[in-house]
Structure formats: C-alpha cells, structure tokens
N, C-alpha and C. Protein backbone atom coordinates (compact mmCIF):
# COMPACT_ATOMS: atom_id res chain seq x y z
N ILE A 1 -16.20 10.94 -10.48
CA ILE A 1 -16.27 11.32 -11.83
C ILE A 1 -15.70 9.57 -11.73
N GLY A 2 -16.16 9.20 -12.62
CA GLY A 2 -15.87 7.70 -13.40
C GLY A 2 -16.39 7.60 -14.80
N VAL A 3 -16.12 6.31 -15.18
CA VAL A 3 -16.74 5.53 -16.57
C VAL A 3 -17.92 4.82 -16.62
N ALA A 4 -18.39 4.98 -17.10
CA ALA A 4 -20.26 3.67 -17.83
C ALA A 4 -18.70 1.60 -16.98
N PRO A 5 -19.55 1.25 -16.25
CA PRO A 5 -20.24 0.00 -16.13
C PRO A 5 -19.83 -0.66 -17.34
N PRO A 6 -19.90 -1.64 -17.46
CA PRO A 6 -20.54 -3.49 -18.00
C PRO A 6 -21.53 -3.08 -18.84
N VAL A 7 -21.76 -2.54 -20.27
CA VAL A 7 -23.25 -2.46 -20.74
C VAL A 7 -23.86 -3.98 -19.71
N SER A 8 -22.87 -4.94 -20.05
CA SER A 8 -24.14 -6.57 -19.19
C SER A 8 -25.04 -6.43 -17.70
N TRP A 9 -24.21 -5.36 -17.00
CA TRP A 9 -24.31 -4.66 -15.92
C TRP A 9 -25.89 -4.18 -15.65
N GLY A 10 -26.40 -3.77 -17.24
CA GLY A 10 -27.81 -3.38 -16.70
C GLY A 10 -27.08 -1.33 -15.73
N ARG A 11 -28.46 -1.18 -16.17
CA ARG A 11 -28.29 0.19 -15.08
C ARG A 11 -27.16 0.47 -13.66
N GLN A 12 -26.96 0.85 -13.10
CA GLN A 12 -26.16 1.21 -11.97
C GLN A 12 -26.60 1.97 -11.60
N PRO A 13 -26.85 2.61 -9.94
CA PRO A 13 -27.07 3.80 -9.09
C PRO A 13 -25.51 4.35 -9.33
N SER A 14 -25.92 6.03 -9.62
CA SER A 14 -24.38 7.04 -9.14
C SER A 14 -23.74 7.27 -8.13
N ILE A 15 -24.63 6.84 -6.70
CA ILE A 15 -24.53 7.37 -5.90
C ILE A 15 -23.41 6.90 -5.51
N PRO A 16 -22.39 4.99 -5.00
CA PRO A 16 -22.09 4.53 -4.05
C PRO A 16 -21.20 3.92 -5.10
N PRO A 17 -19.73 4.53 -4.92
CA PRO A 17 -18.58 4.66 -5.99
C PRO A 17 -18.57 3.07 -5.78
N ARG A 18 -17.47 3.01 -7.09
CA ARG A 18 -17.33 1.76 -7.60
C ARG A 18 -15.70 0.88 -7.94
N ASP A 19 -15.13 -0.09 -7.08
CA ASP A 19 -13.73 0.01 -7.76
C ASP A 19 -13.46 -0.61 -9.27
N ASP A 20 -15.25 -1.17 -9.98
CA ASP A 20 -14.77 -1.72 -11.10
C ASP A 20 -14.43 -0.07 -11.95
N PHE A 21 -15.19 0.49 -11.73
CA PHE A 21 -15.17 2.07 -12.70
C PHE A 21 -15.05 3.55 -11.79
N GLY A 22 -15.19 3.74 -10.53
CA GLY A 22 -14.92 4.73 -9.99
C GLY A 22 -16.62 4.85 -10.05
N GLY A 23 -16.35 6.84 -10.11
CA GLY A 23 -17.84 7.10 -9.70
C GLY A 23 -17.86 7.88 -8.92
N ASN A 24 -19.01 7.60 -7.43
CA ASN A 24 -19.13 9.43 -6.79
C ASN A 24 -17.59 8.68 -5.19
N MET A 25 -16.67 9.03 -6.16
CA MET A 25 -15.91 8.42 -4.61
C MET A 25 -15.18 9.85 -3.50
N ASP A 26 -15.35 11.10 -4.12
CA ASP A 26 -15.44 11.88 -2.30
C ASP A 26 -14.07 11.93 -1.72
N LEU A 27 -12.93 11.86 -2.75
CA LEU A 27 -11.48 12.21 -2.66
C LEU A 27 -10.93 12.87 -3.03
N LYS A 28 -10.59 13.92 -1.47
CA LYS A 28 -11.11 15.42 -2.50
C LYS A 28 -9.36 15.68 -2.25
N GLU A 29 -8.20 14.75 -2.12
CA GLU A 29 -7.21 15.08 -3.48
C GLU A 29 -7.30 15.55 -5.08
N LEU A 30 -8.47 14.83 -5.40
CA LEU A 30 -8.90 14.71 -6.68
C LEU A 30 -9.50 15.61 -7.27
N VAL A 31 -8.15 17.24 -7.58
CA VAL A 31 -8.03 18.89 -7.93
C VAL A 31 -6.92 18.99 -9.19
N ALA A 32 -7.29 20.11 -9.30
CA ALA A 32 -6.66 20.34 -10.50
C ALA A 32 -5.05 19.77 -11.31
N GLY A 33 -5.21 19.63 -11.56
CA GLY A 33 -3.27 18.74 -11.80
C GLY A 33 -3.65 17.33 -11.46
N ALA A 34 -4.14 16.98 -10.66
CA ALA A 34 -4.51 15.79 -10.82
C ALA A 34 -4.51 14.38 -11.51
N THR A 35 -3.57 13.51 -11.15
CA THR A 35 -4.09 12.51 -12.25
C THR A 35 -4.89 11.42 -11.87
N LEU A 36 -5.95 10.94 -12.48
CA LEU A 36 -6.33 10.01 -11.89
C LEU A 36 -6.98 8.62 -12.98
N TYR A 37 -6.42 7.17 -12.70
CA TYR A 37 -6.87 6.08 -13.38
C TYR A 37 -7.38 5.09 -12.87
N LEU A 38 -8.61 4.73 -14.40
CA LEU A 38 -9.37 4.10 -13.86
C LEU A 38 -9.33 2.36 -14.85
N PRO A 39 -10.25 1.83 -14.58
CA PRO A 39 -10.44 0.66 -15.11
C PRO A 39 -11.83 0.46 -16.38
N VAL A 40 -10.88 0.23 -17.28
CA VAL A 40 -12.01 0.80 -18.16
C VAL A 40 -13.09 -0.76 -18.41
N GLN A 41 -13.78 -0.38 -18.58
CA GLN A 41 -15.34 -1.02 -18.92
C GLN A 41 -16.20 -1.43 -19.52
N ALA A 42 -15.59 -0.28 -20.49
CA ALA A 42 -17.22 -0.17 -22.04
C ALA A 42 -16.26 0.80 -22.93
N HIS A 43 -17.02 0.53 -24.08
CA HIS A 43 -16.52 0.60 -25.27
C HIS A 43 -16.28 2.30 -25.00
N GLN A 44 -15.37 2.93 -25.31
CA GLN A 44 -14.72 4.59 -25.15
C GLN A 44 -14.83 4.90 -23.88
N ALA A 45 -14.84 4.22 -22.90
CA ALA A 45 -14.92 4.37 -21.79
C ALA A 45 -16.26 5.46 -21.04
N LEU A 46 -16.66 6.47 -21.92
CA LEU A 46 -17.87 7.38 -21.42
C LEU A 46 -17.65 7.97 -20.87
N LEU A 47 -16.95 8.57 -19.67
CA LEU A 47 -16.79 9.21 -18.95
C LEU A 47 -17.52 10.26 -18.47
N PHE A 48 -17.69 10.54 -17.09
CA PHE A 48 -19.00 11.15 -16.38
C PHE A 48 -18.08 12.08 -15.45
N VAL A 49 -18.54 13.22 -14.80
CA VAL A 49 -17.77 14.10 -14.18
C VAL A 49 -19.07 14.93 -13.16
N GLY A 50 -19.42 15.09 -12.29
CA GLY A 50 -19.78 15.33 -10.71
C GLY A 50 -20.33 15.39 -9.39
N ASP A 51 -20.54 15.92 -9.46
CA ASP A 51 -21.04 16.78 -7.52
C ASP A 51 -19.20 16.87 -6.85
N GLY A 52 -19.45 18.55 -7.50
CA GLY A 52 -18.22 19.59 -7.94
C GLY A 52 -18.45 19.69 -6.02
N HIS A 53 -16.62 19.56 -5.13
CA HIS A 53 -17.22 20.33 -3.83
C HIS A 53 -16.10 21.00 -3.94
N ALA A 54 -16.75 22.88 -3.40
CA ALA A 54 -15.50 23.20 -3.18
C ALA A 54 -14.13 23.09 -1.63
N ARG A 55 -15.38 21.92 -1.13
CA ARG A 55 -14.00 21.59 0.40
C ARG A 55 -14.86 20.97 0.85
N GLN A 56 -13.74 19.34 1.34
CA GLN A 56 -14.28 18.49 2.11
C GLN A 56 -13.62 18.17 3.19
N GLY A 57 -13.48 17.37 3.75
CA GLY A 57 -13.13 16.79 4.93
C GLY A 57 -12.81 15.07 4.60
N ASP A 58 -12.19 14.62 4.68
CA ASP A 58 -11.53 12.98 4.67
C ASP A 58 -12.87 12.59 4.95
N GLY A 59 -13.92 11.63 3.89
CA GLY A 59 -14.95 10.69 4.48
C GLY A 59 -16.24 11.22 4.77
N GLU A 60 -16.12 12.68 4.06
CA GLU A 60 -17.78 13.02 3.70
C GLU A 60 -18.48 12.87 4.79
N CYS A 61 -18.58 13.17 5.96
CA CYS A 61 -19.25 12.30 7.22
C CYS A 61 -20.67 11.83 7.43
N CYS A 62 -21.35 13.11 6.52
CA CYS A 62 -23.00 13.08 7.16
C CYS A 62 -23.55 13.70 6.03
N GLY A 63 -22.69 13.08 4.71
CA GLY A 63 -23.92 13.20 2.90
C GLY A 63 -23.27 14.31 2.73
N THR A 64 -22.81 15.92 2.58
CA THR A 64 -22.82 16.57 1.87
C THR A 64 -21.19 16.99 2.36
N ALA A 65 -21.09 17.72 1.34
CA ALA A 65 -19.92 18.83 1.77
C ALA A 65 -20.07 20.07 0.86
N LEU A 66 -18.63 20.91 0.96
CA LEU A 66 -18.79 22.58 0.00
C LEU A 66 -19.86 22.46 -1.27
N GLU A 67 -20.99 21.69 -1.15
CA GLU A 67 -21.22 21.81 -2.56
C GLU A 67 -21.48 22.92 -3.79
N THR A 68 -20.88 22.65 -4.81
CA THR A 68 -20.55 23.88 -6.01
C THR A 68 -20.83 22.90 -7.48
N SER A 69 -20.68 24.37 -8.30
CA SER A 69 -20.73 23.76 -9.93
C SER A 69 -19.41 24.17 -10.09
N LEU A 70 -18.79 23.53 -10.72
CA LEU A 70 -17.32 23.21 -11.13
C LEU A 70 -17.18 23.31 -12.78
N THR A 71 -16.21 23.72 -12.78
CA THR A 71 -15.74 23.58 -14.62
C THR A 71 -14.64 23.21 -14.66
N GLY A 72 -14.52 22.69 -15.76
CA GLY A 72 -12.58 22.37 -15.78
C GLY A 72 -12.55 21.74 -17.13
N VAL A 73 -11.01 21.47 -17.65
CA VAL A 73 -10.55 20.80 -18.45
C VAL A 73 -10.01 19.29 -18.24
N PHE A 74 -10.52 18.99 -18.74
CA PHE A 74 -10.33 17.35 -18.81
C PHE A 74 -9.22 16.73 -19.93
N ARG A 75 -8.05 16.10 -19.85
CA ARG A 75 -7.41 15.51 -20.81
C ARG A 75 -7.21 13.88 -20.52
N LEU A 76 -7.91 13.66 -21.85
CA LEU A 76 -7.92 11.67 -21.85
C LEU A 76 -7.18 11.38 -22.21
N THR A 77 -6.56 10.04 -21.58
CA THR A 77 -5.25 9.19 -22.28
C THR A 77 -5.83 7.75 -21.80
N LEU A 78 -6.66 6.81 -22.95
CA LEU A 78 -6.40 5.71 -22.82
C LEU A 78 -5.18 5.21 -22.82
N HIS A 79 -5.20 4.24 -21.72
CA HIS A 79 -3.90 3.41 -22.12
C HIS A 79 -4.20 1.73 -21.85
N PRO A 80 -3.72 1.29 -23.15
CA PRO A 80 -4.16 -0.05 -23.30
C PRO A 80 -3.81 -1.31 -22.31
N ARG A 81 -4.57 -2.09 -22.19
CA ARG A 81 -4.20 -3.41 -20.71
C ARG A 81 -3.43 -3.96 -21.00
N ALA A 82 -2.40 -4.09 -21.88
CA ALA A 82 -0.81 -4.29 -21.96
C ALA A 82 -0.33 -3.41 -21.00
N SER A 83 -0.59 -2.07 -21.16
CA SER A 83 0.63 -0.97 -20.87
C SER A 83 0.09 -0.26 -19.77
N TRP A 84 -1.28 -0.29 -19.07
CA TRP A 84 -1.75 0.58 -18.32
C TRP A 84 -1.13 1.24 -17.15
N SER A 85 -0.18 0.78 -16.98
CA SER A 85 0.67 1.27 -16.50
C SER A 85 1.13 2.59 -16.43
N VAL A 86 2.01 3.78 -15.07
CA VAL A 86 2.09 4.78 -15.90
C VAL A 86 3.55 4.34 -16.60
N PRO A 87 3.47 6.01 -17.87
CA PRO A 87 4.11 5.12 -19.41
C PRO A 87 5.66 5.77 -19.11
N ARG A 88 5.74 6.45 -17.41
CA ARG A 88 7.70 6.79 -17.26
C ARG A 88 7.71 5.34 -16.77
N ALA A 89 7.29 4.49 -15.92
CA ALA A 89 8.33 3.23 -15.81
C ALA A 89 8.92 2.75 -15.66
N PRO A 90 10.16 2.35 -16.10
CA PRO A 90 10.95 1.80 -16.85
C PRO A 90 11.09 0.43 -16.60
N LYS A 91 10.17 -0.19 -15.52
CA LYS A 91 9.94 -1.73 -16.33
C LYS A 91 8.80 -2.36 -15.47
N ARG A 92 8.72 -3.10 -15.77
CA ARG A 92 6.94 -3.25 -15.09
C ARG A 92 6.93 -5.30 -15.31
N PRO A 93 6.54 -6.38 -13.77
CA PRO A 93 6.37 -7.01 -14.75
C PRO A 93 5.32 -8.16 -15.58
N ARG A 94 5.47 -8.56 -15.96
CA ARG A 94 4.09 -9.14 -17.17
C ARG A 94 3.62 -9.84 -16.22
N GLY A 95 2.12 -9.81 -17.15
CA GLY A 95 0.55 -10.87 -16.37
C GLY A 95 1.29 -11.95 -17.54
N ILE A 96 0.29 -12.86 -16.99
CA ILE A 96 -0.29 -14.15 -17.52
C ILE A 96 -0.20 -14.01 -19.47
N GLY A 97 0.53 -14.61 -20.43
CA GLY A 97 0.82 -13.88 -21.76
C GLY A 97 0.92 -12.52 -22.02
N GLY A 98 1.94 -12.07 -21.25
CA GLY A 98 3.31 -11.59 -21.61
C GLY A 98 2.58 -9.80 -21.26
N GLU A 99 1.36 -10.29 -20.95
CA GLU A 99 1.05 -8.44 -20.63
C GLU A 99 0.55 -7.70 -19.46
N SER A 100 0.47 -6.87 -19.07
CA SER A 100 0.95 -5.87 -17.08
C SER A 100 -0.82 -6.30 -17.26
N PRO A 101 -0.52 -6.56 -15.66
CA PRO A 101 -1.82 -6.64 -14.91
C PRO A 101 -2.59 -5.45 -15.18
N ALA A 102 -3.86 -6.13 -15.46
CA ALA A 102 -5.00 -5.62 -15.79
C ALA A 102 -5.83 -4.44 -14.77
N LEU A 103 -5.71 -3.40 -14.63
CA LEU A 103 -5.97 -2.03 -13.42
C LEU A 103 -7.45 -2.93 -12.97
N ARG A 104 -7.10 -2.43 -11.42
CA ARG A 104 -8.92 -3.60 -10.55
C ARG A 104 -9.31 -2.30 -10.24
N ARG A 105 -8.89 -1.41 -9.57
CA ARG A 105 -9.41 0.40 -8.73
C ARG A 105 -8.49 1.09 -9.03
N PRO A 106 -9.19 2.64 -8.89
CA PRO A 106 -9.13 3.02 -8.96
C PRO A 106 -7.34 4.16 -7.80
N ARG A 107 -6.54 4.71 -9.53
CA ARG A 107 -5.83 4.62 -8.79
C ARG A 107 -5.30 6.37 -9.10
N ALA A 108 -5.02 7.64 -8.09
CA ALA A 108 -4.49 9.12 -8.04
C ALA A 108 -3.08 8.98 -7.92
N GLU A 109 -2.54 10.27 -8.88
CA GLU A 109 -1.08 10.66 -8.41
C GLU A 109 -2.41 12.42 -8.64
N THR A 110 -0.90 12.67 -7.81
CA THR A 110 -0.78 13.50 -7.83
C THR A 110 1.13 14.44 -7.90
N THR A 111 1.45 15.70 -7.97
CA THR A 111 2.75 16.16 -8.29
C THR A 111 3.91 15.53 -6.91
N GLU A 112 3.34 15.38 -5.32
CA GLU A 112 4.02 15.02 -4.33
C GLU A 112 3.20 14.04 -3.35
N GLU A 113 1.74 13.22 -4.89
CA GLU A 113 2.04 12.10 -4.00
C GLU A 113 1.01 10.90 -5.15
N LEU A 114 1.00 9.81 -4.50
CA LEU A 114 0.45 8.82 -5.15
C LEU A 114 -0.48 7.83 -4.41
N ILE A 115 -1.86 8.15 -4.58
CA ILE A 115 -3.01 7.18 -3.76
C ILE A 115 -3.37 6.24 -4.37
N THR A 116 -3.43 5.13 -3.56
CA THR A 116 -4.94 4.50 -3.84
C THR A 116 -6.45 3.98 -3.52
N MET A 117 -6.85 3.78 -4.53
CA MET A 117 -8.61 3.96 -3.12
C MET A 117 -8.59 2.23 -4.08
N ALA A 118 -9.87 2.37 -2.88
CA ALA A 118 -10.96 0.83 -3.02
C ALA A 118 -11.92 0.92 -2.10
N PHE A 119 -13.09 0.35 -2.25
CA PHE A 119 -14.65 0.37 -2.07
C PHE A 119 -14.86 -0.41 -2.07
N HIS A 120 -15.57 -0.86 -0.81
CA HIS A 120 -16.15 -1.68 -0.14
C HIS A 120 -17.15 -2.51 0.69
N HIS A 121 -17.83 -3.01 1.09
CA HIS A 121 -19.20 -2.99 2.00
C HIS A 121 -18.91 -3.15 3.52
N SER A 122 -17.73 -3.22 3.47
CA SER A 122 -16.22 -3.20 5.26
C SER A 122 -15.12 -1.57 5.34
N LEU A 123 -15.06 -1.46 5.85
CA LEU A 123 -14.34 -0.41 5.52
C LEU A 123 -12.92 -0.94 5.62
N ASP A 124 -13.33 -1.67 7.01
CA ASP A 124 -11.79 -2.50 7.15
C ASP A 124 -11.40 -3.66 5.33
N GLU A 125 -12.23 -4.22 4.53
CA GLU A 125 -11.67 -5.10 3.66
C GLU A 125 -11.50 -3.38 2.18
N ALA A 126 -11.71 -2.64 2.21
CA ALA A 126 -11.14 -1.40 1.47
C ALA A 126 -9.97 -0.96 2.25
N ALA A 127 -9.66 -0.60 3.01
CA ALA A 127 -8.51 -0.31 3.13
C ALA A 127 -7.73 -1.33 3.24
N LYS A 128 -8.07 -2.72 3.41
CA LYS A 128 -7.14 -3.74 3.21
C LYS A 128 -6.91 -3.99 1.49
N LEU A 129 -7.24 -3.79 0.63
CA LEU A 129 -8.00 -3.61 -1.11
C LEU A 129 -6.36 -2.48 -1.53
N ALA A 130 -7.05 -1.32 -0.36
CA ALA A 130 -6.61 -0.31 -1.10
C ALA A 130 -4.76 -0.05 -0.68
N ILE A 131 -4.37 -0.84 0.52
CA ILE A 131 -3.25 -1.36 1.07
C ILE A 131 -2.19 -1.89 -0.17
N GLU A 132 -3.12 -3.02 -0.81
CA GLU A 132 -2.76 -4.64 -1.69
C GLU A 132 -2.17 -4.04 -2.76
N ASP A 133 -3.47 -2.92 -3.04
CA ASP A 133 -2.70 -1.91 -4.87
C ASP A 133 -1.97 -1.33 -4.51
N MET A 134 -1.66 -0.92 -3.16
CA MET A 134 -0.42 -0.05 -2.95
C MET A 134 0.81 -0.60 -3.36
N LEU A 135 1.00 -1.85 -2.57
CA LEU A 135 2.14 -2.62 -2.56
C LEU A 135 2.21 -3.48 -3.84
N GLU A 136 0.90 -3.11 -4.99
CA GLU A 136 1.37 -3.52 -6.42
C GLU A 136 1.58 -2.69 -7.22
N TRP A 137 1.35 -1.52 -6.87
CA TRP A 137 2.18 -0.19 -7.28
C TRP A 137 3.53 0.52 -6.91
N LEU A 138 3.61 -0.31 -5.98
CA LEU A 138 5.15 -0.44 -5.86
C LEU A 138 6.09 -0.67 -6.33
N SER A 139 6.04 -2.62 -6.95
CA SER A 139 6.38 -3.97 -7.03
C SER A 139 6.25 -3.62 -8.55
N GLN A 140 5.51 -2.42 -8.98
CA GLN A 140 5.37 -2.58 -11.02
C GLN A 140 6.82 -1.36 -11.34
N GLU A 141 6.32 -0.51 -9.95
CA GLU A 141 7.01 1.08 -10.63
C GLU A 141 7.92 2.07 -9.77
N HIS A 142 7.34 1.77 -8.93
CA HIS A 142 8.01 2.82 -7.73
C HIS A 142 9.66 1.82 -7.36
N ALA A 143 9.48 0.91 -6.98
CA ALA A 143 10.40 0.33 -5.92
C ALA A 143 10.72 -0.83 -6.24
N PRO A 144 10.83 -1.67 -7.48
CA PRO A 144 10.69 -2.63 -7.73
C PRO A 144 11.46 -4.00 -7.55
N SER A 145 12.53 -3.77 -7.27
CA SER A 145 13.39 -4.48 -5.08
C SER A 145 12.87 -4.34 -4.48
N MET A 146 11.92 -3.86 -4.43
CA MET A 146 11.42 -3.95 -2.76
C MET A 146 10.77 -5.38 -2.54
N ASP A 147 11.15 -6.38 -1.62
CA ASP A 147 10.62 -7.20 -1.63
C ASP A 147 8.75 -6.98 -0.38
N ARG A 148 8.05 -7.97 -0.47
CA ARG A 148 6.87 -7.60 -0.10
C ARG A 148 7.05 -7.18 1.00
N THR A 149 7.50 -8.68 1.90
CA THR A 149 7.84 -7.54 3.77
C THR A 149 8.29 -6.95 3.72
N ASP A 150 9.37 -6.16 2.83
CA ASP A 150 9.18 -4.90 3.39
C ASP A 150 8.59 -3.63 2.70
N GLY A 151 7.85 -4.33 1.39
CA GLY A 151 6.75 -3.26 1.11
C GLY A 151 6.12 -3.05 1.61
N TYR A 152 5.62 -3.76 3.38
CA TYR A 152 4.65 -4.11 3.91
C TYR A 152 5.13 -3.12 4.91
N MET A 153 5.99 -3.01 5.44
CA MET A 153 7.05 -2.11 6.54
C MET A 153 7.47 -1.02 5.81
N PHE A 154 7.53 -0.06 4.86
CA PHE A 154 7.73 0.49 4.20
C PHE A 154 6.36 1.68 4.49
N LEU A 155 5.95 1.48 3.45
CA LEU A 155 3.72 1.55 4.09
C LEU A 155 3.85 1.58 5.64
N SER A 156 4.20 0.90 6.23
CA SER A 156 3.68 1.11 7.01
C SER A 156 4.07 2.70 8.39
N VAL A 157 5.20 3.27 7.56
CA VAL A 157 5.89 4.14 8.74
C VAL A 157 5.78 4.60 7.23
N ALA A 158 5.72 4.60 6.01
CA ALA A 158 5.56 6.56 5.02
C ALA A 158 3.95 6.18 4.30
N ALA A 159 2.98 5.84 4.19
CA ALA A 159 2.11 6.36 3.99
C ALA A 159 0.82 6.55 4.41
N ASP A 160 -0.08 7.19 4.58
CA ASP A 160 -1.38 7.37 5.45
C ASP A 160 -2.05 6.57 4.77
N VAL A 161 -3.19 5.29 5.60
CA VAL A 161 -4.04 4.64 5.24
C VAL A 161 -5.42 6.37 5.30
N ARG A 162 -6.46 6.46 4.78
CA ARG A 162 -7.31 7.44 4.89
C ARG A 162 -8.47 6.97 4.84
N VAL A 163 -10.12 7.44 5.21
CA VAL A 163 -11.20 6.54 4.95
C VAL A 163 -11.89 7.77 3.80
N THR A 164 -11.72 7.63 3.02
CA THR A 164 -12.29 7.29 1.66
C THR A 164 -13.62 8.35 1.54
N GLN A 165 -14.81 7.80 2.07
CA GLN A 165 -15.92 8.31 2.02
C GLN A 165 -16.78 7.39 3.47
N LEU A 166 -18.12 7.62 4.19
CA LEU A 166 -18.53 6.73 4.19
C LEU A 166 -19.77 6.79 4.18
N VAL A 167 -20.49 7.88 2.94
CA VAL A 167 -22.04 8.22 2.68
C VAL A 167 -22.45 7.91 1.91
N ASN A 168 -21.75 6.77 1.40
CA ASN A 168 -23.07 6.22 -0.21
C ASN A 168 -23.15 4.98 0.03
N PHE A 169 -23.56 4.46 1.13
CA PHE A 169 -24.61 3.82 1.58
C PHE A 169 -24.31 2.89 0.17
N PRO A 170 -24.34 1.56 -0.10
CA PRO A 170 -23.86 0.69 1.34
C PRO A 170 -22.28 0.75 0.71
N THR A 171 -21.61 1.41 -0.44
CA THR A 171 -20.31 1.24 0.29
C THR A 171 -19.32 2.60 1.13
N ARG A 172 -17.97 2.14 1.66
CA ARG A 172 -17.88 2.31 1.84
C ARG A 172 -15.64 2.73 1.17
N GLY A 173 -14.97 4.12 1.69
CA GLY A 173 -13.83 3.99 1.08
C GLY A 173 -13.15 3.98 1.50
N ALA A 174 -11.74 3.35 1.48
CA ALA A 174 -10.68 3.65 2.38
C ALA A 174 -9.04 3.98 1.05
N HIS A 175 -8.55 4.94 0.87
CA HIS A 175 -7.24 5.43 0.28
C HIS A 175 -5.56 5.57 1.17
N VAL A 176 -4.70 4.98 -0.40
CA VAL A 176 -3.82 4.81 1.18
C VAL A 176 -3.36 5.67 0.23
N VAL A 177 -1.99 6.62 0.40
CA VAL A 177 -1.62 7.47 0.20
C VAL A 177 -0.12 7.73 0.62
N LEU A 178 0.86 7.93 -0.30
CA LEU A 178 2.41 7.74 -0.17
C LEU A 178 2.49 9.00 -0.94
N LYS A 179 3.95 9.70 -0.35
CA LYS A 179 4.06 10.70 -0.45
C LYS A 179 5.88 10.64 -1.39
N LYS A 180 5.05 10.84 -2.61
CA LYS A 180 6.66 10.53 -3.86
C LYS A 180 8.22 10.46 -3.08
N ALA A 181 8.47 11.53 -1.96
CA ALA A 181 9.32 11.70 -1.73
C ALA A 181 10.02 10.50 -0.39
N TYR A 182 9.07 9.84 -0.58
CA TYR A 182 9.27 8.10 0.12
C TYR A 182 9.74 7.44 -0.45
N LEU A 183 9.76 7.41 -2.15
CA LEU A 183 10.05 6.39 -2.49
C LEU A 183 11.28 6.29 -2.59
N PRO A 184 11.81 5.32 -2.57
CA PRO A 184 13.38 4.95 -2.80
C PRO A 184 14.06 5.15 -3.87
N ASP A 185 15.04 5.67 -4.50
CA ASP A 185 15.42 6.49 -5.25
C ASP A 185 16.18 4.86 -5.89
N ASN A 186 15.33 3.89 -7.08
CA ASN A 186 16.04 2.94 -7.12
C ASN A 186 17.54 2.71 -8.93
N ASN A 187 17.75 3.79 -8.44
CA ASN A 187 19.04 4.31 -8.80
C ASN A 187 20.62 4.41 -8.09
N ALA A 188 19.65 4.50 -6.62
CA ALA A 188 21.47 5.32 -6.05
C ALA A 188 21.81 3.52 -5.44
N PRO A 189 23.17 3.57 -5.68
CA PRO A 189 24.39 2.54 -5.45
C PRO A 189 23.74 1.51 -4.01
N SER A 190 23.63 0.80 -3.75
CA SER A 190 23.27 -0.39 -2.92
C SER A 190 24.22 0.31 -1.30
N GLY A 191 23.01 0.73 -0.41
CA GLY A 191 23.77 1.00 0.86
C GLY A 191 23.28 3.11 0.68
N ASP A 192 22.76 3.57 0.16
CA ASP A 192 23.22 4.82 -0.30
C ASP A 192 21.53 5.38 -0.20
N ASN A 193 20.92 4.49 0.24
CA ASN A 193 19.36 4.78 -0.28
C ASN A 193 19.01 5.52 0.67
N PRO A 194 18.51 6.82 0.60
CA PRO A 194 17.41 7.83 1.93
C PRO A 194 16.66 7.18 2.37
N ALA A 195 15.69 6.36 1.47
CA ALA A 195 14.37 6.20 1.61
C ALA A 195 14.76 4.77 2.97
C-alpha cells in the first residue's frame, strides 16, 4: 500500500518499499482497522494497494507469504503539511515557519500500538531511522514532556524493534512497535505516572 512517488522521479519499480511513499512494505500489522500515515509526494496522492497476504511472519524472509486476493474499503484523509500529526494530539512543536515537521516515512497505528517504519539498503540503518521516528512521534504527540535521553531508555524497555522485510532487494525494512498501554499519562500529577 502506498502513494505515487514524485512525478520528477519517473517510473519507479513497485517491489522495493520506500520511505518516501510506502509501497510493498509487507508489514503484517496493516490489517482491517489499522491507520496508515504516508508522506504524500504527488498531486492527489494516487493511492495504490496490492500484494495481499492472508498470513505472513515478520520479515517475509523467502519472497512469499500466503498470497491472496483481497477486497476492502479504505477511508482516505489528507492531513495538510501544517497538521500531518494525528488530529487528537493536544499540542506539538512547530517547525520552521510555524509549521509542523513534514512526515518523512510511513507510520501506522492500531487500536493497541504505534508503529514507525523505515526502509534502507542497510537493515541497521532502517532500524535506526524507525527508532528516531518513534522518538519524534513521542516528543510531538504522546510524551512531549519526556526528554530525548528518557525517550531512548523508555523505548529500550517498552518497544520492540522488528524486521519488516528482507526480500525486496535492495531494500530492507525495520519497524518499531510500541504498545499504547505503555505510554505515559501526560495528565497524571508528577510522581503518579505508572509508565
């Protein structure tokens, strides 16, 4: 699932996923009810969906999952660049010129989890980028009072770093999964925070 790349890039292969617009991400958490946030690079986004999997493990290690055809209903919402974050966010830091930072890579949300994804030629770099994005998401929306060092320590004990996919050469993917139940309660009085 993804959107079109910038027109100036010309034709792009559909197999390797990309940070810039999604694509063949092979993230098994993208199921009915999940919300996927994608950076939009082309006018009208031009959503595409394909490569349905009835079952797949993390990493899709051999080039195939339990492939199937799927039908579905999608609700599309365009979040303008100045407000790409999840609408319920009480406040978030502003970037240059008073705008929120632009979404750089895909993110997902389920009823129970926050998920950041990154794709790179190096699996190590993909994991690093996915962790950085989760730190950014925490600081912008879910734990704005948590400093970066505490955020790293929090993710080290509360989040899982997983392999998204290995098969779509030359791209490797990693994702960070954080259960919402572990998020700090930003409304709790100091010292009463169970997280």
